[in-house]
Amino acid sequence: YQLYFMMNEMPLEQLEQIFGLFDEKVGESELASEMRACIELRQRIEPGRPAPEFTLARRDGSLLSLSDFRGKVVVLDFWASWCGPCRREMPVVVEAYKNFKAKGFGIVGVSLDEDLDKWKKAITDLNITWPQMSDLKGWQCEGAKLYGVRGIPATVLVDQEGTIVARDLRGDDLGKKLGELMK
């Protein structure tokens, strides 16, 4: 029970090791099933792992895939028009884009919106000029589920080879990490 509440905070290797000590009977419990799902998710999305591929629609209906950005350092920016913290963080993301775009940096906005008109308005209001995608399913967004997004804003930094480098960089940390990668 204690491990269940700590599973997202501890290093993946430690979680796997402790979970592996459970006897078969404990492994059949509902909590163990949720922990197993958490471990499987983290094995897919931890830094150092290949970024899972996905495709969603742009606001004009055309399709956009993460693989379209291979060869670039890219941030997956999970956000929504109704999210106050997302809106407050957006100027930092806009600045990073301005500073690193010419060096091969890209951003893919993944919206957890459900209302197309509100999503489009927010893109304009927030001066977002990079590609945006959404399936307009809110928290059931396929891209967000694939990356285990449970709160927004959330970011995933992916290198030129398609490997996850970092997650949830905020403020100056995003610019610092991009400076390291884009030398």
C-alpha atoms as a PDB file:
ATOM      1  CA  TYR A   1       0.000   0.000   0.000  1.00  0.00           C
ATOM      2  CA  GLN A   2       2.832   2.394   0.868  1.00  0.00           C
ATOM      3  CA  LEU A   3       4.645   1.592  -2.374  1.00  0.00           C
ATOM      4  CA  TYR A   4       1.515   2.474  -4.345  1.00  0.00           C
ATOM      5  CA  PHE A   5       1.633   6.045  -2.999  1.00  0.00           C
ATOM      6  CA  MET A   6       5.370   6.361  -3.606  1.00  0.00           C
ATOM      7  CA  MET A   7       5.564   4.742  -7.038  1.00  0.00           C
ATOM      8  CA  ASN A   8       5.597   7.976  -9.065  1.00  0.00           C
ATOM      9  CA  GLU A   9       8.208   9.618  -6.863  1.00  0.00           C
ATOM     10  CA  MET A  10      10.868   6.902  -6.712  1.00  0.00           C
ATOM     11  CA  PRO A  11      13.406   5.996  -9.384  1.00  0.00           C
ATOM     12  CA  LEU A  12      12.050   3.457 -11.850  1.00  0.00           C
ATOM     13  CA  GLU A  13      14.793   0.926 -11.125  1.00  0.00           C
ATOM     14  CA  GLN A  14      14.033   1.001  -7.403  1.00  0.00           C
ATOM     15  CA  LEU A  15      10.304   0.606  -8.053  1.00  0.00           C
ATOM     16  CA  GLU A  16      10.927  -2.368 -10.344  1.00  0.00           C
ATOM     17  CA  GLN A  17      13.207  -3.989  -7.769  1.00  0.00           C
ATOM     18  CA  ILE A  18      10.759  -3.650  -4.869  1.00  0.00           C
ATOM     19  CA  PHE A  19       7.769  -4.664  -6.988  1.00  0.00           C
ATOM     20  CA  GLY A  20       9.684  -7.759  -8.064  1.00  0.00           C
ATOM     21  CA  LEU A  21       9.881  -8.876  -4.417  1.00  0.00           C
ATOM     22  CA  PHE A  22       6.110  -9.239  -4.076  1.00  0.00           C
ATOM     23  CA  ASP A  23       4.850 -12.796  -3.841  1.00  0.00           C
ATOM     24  CA  GLU A  24       2.348 -14.074  -6.398  1.00  0.00           C
ATOM     25  CA  LYS A  25      -0.685 -13.488  -4.166  1.00  0.00           C
ATOM     26  CA  VAL A  26       0.145  -9.789  -3.658  1.00  0.00           C
ATOM     27  CA  GLY A  27       0.768  -9.436  -7.401  1.00  0.00           C
ATOM     28  CA  GLU A  28      -2.864 -10.355  -8.070  1.00  0.00           C
ATOM     29  CA  SER A  29      -4.262  -7.392  -6.112  1.00  0.00           C
ATOM     30  CA  GLU A  30      -5.842  -4.308  -7.678  1.00  0.00           C
ATOM     31  CA  LEU A  31      -3.093  -2.050  -6.286  1.00  0.00           C
ATOM     32  CA  ALA A  32      -0.419  -4.334  -7.750  1.00  0.00           C
ATOM     33  CA  SER A  33      -2.181  -4.190 -11.109  1.00  0.00           C
ATOM     34  CA  GLU A  34      -2.091  -0.378 -11.022  1.00  0.00           C
ATOM     35  CA  MET A  35       1.577  -0.427 -10.019  1.00  0.00           C
ATOM     36  CA  ARG A  36       2.360  -2.807 -12.892  1.00  0.00           C
ATOM     37  CA  ALA A  37       0.639  -0.389 -15.291  1.00  0.00           C
ATOM     38  CA  CYS A  38       2.648   2.504 -13.814  1.00  0.00           C
ATOM     39  CA  ILE A  39       5.905   0.605 -14.271  1.00  0.00           C
ATOM     40  CA  GLU A  40       5.025  -0.236 -17.879  1.00  0.00           C
ATOM     41  CA  LEU A  41       4.166   3.401 -18.579  1.00  0.00           C
ATOM     42  CA  ARG A  42       7.361   4.696 -16.997  1.00  0.00           C
ATOM     43  CA  GLN A  43       9.407   2.162 -18.955  1.00  0.00           C
ATOM     44  CA  ARG A  44       8.068   3.840 -22.120  1.00  0.00           C
ATOM     45  CA  ILE A  45       8.438   7.497 -21.139  1.00  0.00           C
ATOM     46  CA  GLU A  46      11.472   7.859 -18.866  1.00  0.00           C
ATOM     47  CA  PRO A  47      14.370  10.027 -20.090  1.00  0.00           C
ATOM     48  CA  GLY A  48      16.726   7.904 -22.148  1.00  0.00           C
ATOM     49  CA  ARG A  49      13.864   5.948 -23.769  1.00  0.00           C
ATOM     50  CA  PRO A  50      12.665   6.393 -27.368  1.00  0.00           C
ATOM     51  CA  ALA A  51       9.785   8.857 -27.543  1.00  0.00           C
ATOM     52  CA  PRO A  52       6.550   6.988 -28.345  1.00  0.00           C
ATOM     53  CA  GLU A  53       5.198   7.924 -31.764  1.00  0.00           C
ATOM     54  CA  PHE A  54       1.714   9.368 -32.174  1.00  0.00           C
ATOM     55  CA  THR A  55      -0.334  11.297 -34.716  1.00  0.00           C
ATOM     56  CA  LEU A  56      -3.157  13.773 -34.104  1.00  0.00           C
ATOM     57  CA  ALA A  57      -5.030  16.360 -36.144  1.00  0.00           C
ATOM     58  CA  ARG A  58      -3.960  19.965 -36.507  1.00  0.00           C
ATOM     59  CA  ARG A  59      -6.548  22.684 -36.114  1.00  0.00           C
ATOM     60  CA  ASP A  60      -7.126  22.628 -39.890  1.00  0.00           C
ATOM     61  CA  GLY A  61      -7.802  18.871 -39.788  1.00  0.00           C
ATOM     62  CA  SER A  62      -4.543  17.731 -41.419  1.00  0.00           C
ATOM     63  CA  LEU A  63      -2.497  15.145 -39.538  1.00  0.00           C
ATOM     64  CA  LEU A  64       0.753  15.789 -37.682  1.00  0.00           C
ATOM     65  CA  SER A  65       3.098  13.155 -36.241  1.00  0.00           C
ATOM     66  CA  LEU A  66       5.974  13.367 -33.807  1.00  0.00           C
ATOM     67  CA  SER A  67       8.149  11.657 -36.440  1.00  0.00           C
ATOM     68  CA  ASP A  68       7.662  14.722 -38.673  1.00  0.00           C
ATOM     69  CA  PHE A  69      10.195  16.426 -36.375  1.00  0.00           C
ATOM     70  CA  ARG A  70      12.937  13.783 -36.508  1.00  0.00           C
ATOM     71  CA  GLY A  71      16.299  15.498 -36.791  1.00  0.00           C
ATOM     72  CA  LYS A  72      15.212  18.384 -34.549  1.00  0.00           C
ATOM     73  CA  VAL A  73      15.233  18.887 -30.824  1.00  0.00           C
ATOM     74  CA  VAL A  74      11.544  19.160 -30.013  1.00  0.00           C
ATOM     75  CA  VAL A  75       9.366  19.899 -27.010  1.00  0.00           C
ATOM     76  CA  LEU A  76       5.991  18.229 -26.729  1.00  0.00           C
ATOM     77  CA  ASP A  77       3.991  20.893 -24.911  1.00  0.00           C
ATOM     78  CA  PHE A  78       0.810  19.487 -23.349  1.00  0.00           C
ATOM     79  CA  TRP A  79      -1.576  22.331 -22.532  1.00  0.00           C
ATOM     80  CA  ALA A  80      -5.167  23.584 -22.851  1.00  0.00           C
ATOM     81  CA  SER A  81      -6.849  26.929 -23.463  1.00  0.00           C
ATOM     82  CA  TRP A  82      -8.686  26.725 -20.096  1.00  0.00           C
ATOM     83  CA  CYS A  83      -5.510  26.005 -18.086  1.00  0.00           C
ATOM     84  CA  GLY A  84      -4.319  29.070 -16.127  1.00  0.00           C
ATOM     85  CA  PRO A  85      -0.843  27.665 -15.343  1.00  0.00           C
ATOM     86  CA  CYS A  86      -0.427  26.767 -19.033  1.00  0.00           C
ATOM     87  CA  ARG A  87      -1.254  30.318 -20.053  1.00  0.00           C
ATOM     88  CA  ARG A  88       1.191  31.733 -17.476  1.00  0.00           C
ATOM     89  CA  GLU A  89       3.989  29.423 -18.712  1.00  0.00           C
ATOM     90  CA  MET A  90       3.370  30.117 -22.408  1.00  0.00           C
ATOM     91  CA  PRO A  91       5.524  33.292 -22.607  1.00  0.00           C
ATOM     92  CA  VAL A  92       8.513  31.183 -21.468  1.00  0.00           C
ATOM     93  CA  VAL A  93       7.802  28.656 -24.219  1.00  0.00           C
ATOM     94  CA  VAL A  94       7.363  31.441 -26.810  1.00  0.00           C
ATOM     95  CA  GLU A  95      10.730  32.897 -25.773  1.00  0.00           C
ATOM     96  CA  ALA A  96      12.485  29.514 -26.017  1.00  0.00           C
ATOM     97  CA  TYR A  97      11.028  29.043 -29.477  1.00  0.00           C
ATOM     98  CA  LYS A  98      12.269  32.470 -30.600  1.00  0.00           C
ATOM     99  CA  ASN A  99      15.746  31.828 -29.176  1.00  0.00           C
ATOM    100  CA  PHE A 100      16.315  28.335 -30.584  1.00  0.00           C
ATOM    101  CA  LYS A 101      14.110  27.956 -33.683  1.00  0.00           C
ATOM    102  CA  ALA A 102      16.922  28.930 -36.067  1.00  0.00           C
ATOM    103  CA  LYS A 103      19.152  26.228 -34.525  1.00  0.00           C
ATOM    104  CA  GLY A 104      16.787  23.377 -35.394  1.00  0.00           C
ATOM    105  CA  PHE A 105      14.455  23.481 -32.398  1.00  0.00           C
ATOM    106  CA  GLY A 106      10.762  22.764 -32.723  1.00  0.00           C
ATOM    107  CA  ILE A 107       7.706  22.628 -30.507  1.00  0.00           C
ATOM    108  CA  VAL A 108       4.597  20.548 -30.938  1.00  0.00           C
ATOM    109  CA  GLY A 109       1.632  21.763 -28.931  1.00  0.00           C
ATOM    110  CA  VAL A 110      -0.673  18.965 -27.794  1.00  0.00           C
ATOM    111  CA  SER A 111      -3.940  20.455 -26.592  1.00  0.00           C
ATOM    112  CA  LEU A 112      -6.237  18.822 -24.074  1.00  0.00           C
ATOM    113  CA  ASP A 113      -9.072  21.058 -25.207  1.00  0.00           C
ATOM    114  CA  GLU A 114     -12.532  19.813 -26.134  1.00  0.00           C
ATOM    115  CA  ASP A 115     -13.787  23.001 -27.808  1.00  0.00           C
ATOM    116  CA  LEU A 116     -12.235  23.739 -31.217  1.00  0.00           C
ATOM    117  CA  ASP A 117     -13.136  27.445 -31.191  1.00  0.00           C
ATOM    118  CA  LYS A 118     -11.662  28.074 -27.722  1.00  0.00           C
ATOM    119  CA  TRP A 119      -8.512  26.186 -28.731  1.00  0.00           C
ATOM    120  CA  LYS A 120      -8.093  28.264 -31.920  1.00  0.00           C
ATOM    121  CA  LYS A 121      -8.693  31.517 -30.019  1.00  0.00           C
ATOM    122  CA  ALA A 122      -6.087  30.640 -27.384  1.00  0.00           C
ATOM    123  CA  ILE A 123      -3.509  29.880 -30.094  1.00  0.00           C
ATOM    124  CA  THR A 124      -4.039  33.369 -31.497  1.00  0.00           C
ATOM    125  CA  ASP A 125      -4.263  35.137 -28.111  1.00  0.00           C
ATOM    126  CA  LEU A 126      -1.077  33.513 -26.789  1.00  0.00           C
ATOM    127  CA  ASN A 127       0.955  34.178 -29.955  1.00  0.00           C
ATOM    128  CA  ILE A 128       1.602  30.475 -30.545  1.00  0.00           C
ATOM    129  CA  THR A 129       3.259  30.084 -33.939  1.00  0.00           C
ATOM    130  CA  TRP A 130       4.427  26.457 -33.803  1.00  0.00           C
ATOM    131  CA  PRO A 131       2.401  23.415 -34.890  1.00  0.00           C
ATOM    132  CA  GLN A 132      -0.548  22.420 -32.729  1.00  0.00           C
ATOM    133  CA  MET A 133      -2.432  19.128 -32.538  1.00  0.00           C
ATOM    134  CA  SER A 134      -5.417  17.767 -30.663  1.00  0.00           C
ATOM    135  CA  ASP A 135      -8.087  15.112 -30.867  1.00  0.00           C
ATOM    136  CA  LEU A 136     -10.384  17.385 -28.798  1.00  0.00           C
ATOM    137  CA  LYS A 137     -10.901  14.616 -26.226  1.00  0.00           C
ATOM    138  CA  GLY A 138      -9.743  16.613 -23.200  1.00  0.00           C
ATOM    139  CA  TRP A 139      -8.111  14.369 -20.579  1.00  0.00           C
ATOM    140  CA  GLN A 140      -8.733  11.374 -22.840  1.00  0.00           C
ATOM    141  CA  CYS A 141      -6.342  12.821 -25.460  1.00  0.00           C
ATOM    142  CA  GLU A 142      -4.489   9.897 -27.001  1.00  0.00           C
ATOM    143  CA  GLY A 143      -1.129  11.697 -26.967  1.00  0.00           C
ATOM    144  CA  ALA A 144      -1.490  12.719 -23.323  1.00  0.00           C
ATOM    145  CA  LYS A 145      -2.469   9.197 -22.287  1.00  0.00           C
ATOM    146  CA  LEU A 146       0.491   7.737 -24.203  1.00  0.00           C
ATOM    147  CA  TYR A 147       2.879   9.997 -22.267  1.00  0.00           C
ATOM    148  CA  GLY A 148       1.184   9.579 -18.888  1.00  0.00           C
ATOM    149  CA  VAL A 149       0.183  13.244 -18.607  1.00  0.00           C
ATOM    150  CA  ARG A 150      -1.801  13.715 -15.395  1.00  0.00           C
ATOM    151  CA  GLY A 151      -1.446  17.459 -15.018  1.00  0.00           C
ATOM    152  CA  ILE A 152      -0.768  20.389 -17.316  1.00  0.00           C
ATOM    153  CA  PRO A 153       1.283  22.178 -18.353  1.00  0.00           C
ATOM    154  CA  ALA A 154       3.523  19.208 -19.073  1.00  0.00           C
ATOM    155  CA  THR A 155       6.500  19.029 -21.395  1.00  0.00           C
ATOM    156  CA  VAL A 156       8.612  16.275 -22.887  1.00  0.00           C
ATOM    157  CA  LEU A 157      11.960  17.230 -24.442  1.00  0.00           C
ATOM    158  CA  VAL A 158      13.046  14.921 -27.279  1.00  0.00           C
ATOM    159  CA  ASP A 159      16.459  15.015 -28.985  1.00  0.00           C
ATOM    160  CA  GLN A 160      17.271  14.798 -32.703  1.00  0.00           C
ATOM    161  CA  GLU A 161      17.315  10.991 -32.614  1.00  0.00           C
ATOM    162  CA  GLY A 162      13.882  10.746 -31.010  1.00  0.00           C
ATOM    163  CA  THR A 163      15.059   9.983 -27.466  1.00  0.00           C
ATOM    164  CA  ILE A 164      13.371  11.532 -24.435  1.00  0.00           C
ATOM    165  CA  VAL A 165      15.876  13.844 -22.745  1.00  0.00           C
ATOM    166  CA  ALA A 166      13.806  15.462 -19.987  1.00  0.00           C
ATOM    167  CA  ARG A 167      10.259  15.961 -18.736  1.00  0.00           C
ATOM    168  CA  ASP A 168       8.418  18.917 -17.237  1.00  0.00           C
ATOM    169  CA  LEU A 169      11.063  21.600 -17.577  1.00  0.00           C
ATOM    170  CA  ARG A 170       9.713  24.969 -16.414  1.00  0.00           C
ATOM    171  CA  GLY A 171      10.880  28.548 -16.561  1.00  0.00           C
ATOM    172  CA  ASP A 172      14.623  29.029 -16.936  1.00  0.00           C
ATOM    173  CA  ASP A 173      15.245  25.272 -16.797  1.00  0.00           C
ATOM    174  CA  LEU A 174      13.848  24.865 -20.320  1.00  0.00           C
ATOM    175  CA  GLY A 175      16.184  27.509 -21.774  1.00  0.00           C
ATOM    176  CA  LYS A 176      19.200  26.099 -19.898  1.00  0.00           C
ATOM    177  CA  LYS A 177      18.609  22.562 -21.149  1.00  0.00           C
ATOM    178  CA  LEU A 178      18.042  23.767 -24.699  1.00  0.00           C
ATOM    179  CA  GLY A 179      21.293  25.749 -24.486  1.00  0.00           C
ATOM    180  CA  GLU A 180      23.111  22.512 -23.593  1.00  0.00           C
ATOM    181  CA  LEU A 181      21.508  20.520 -26.403  1.00  0.00           C
ATOM    182  CA  MET A 182      21.669  23.146 -29.136  1.00  0.00           C
ATOM    183  CA  LYS A 183      25.357  24.062 -28.939  1.00  0.00           C
END
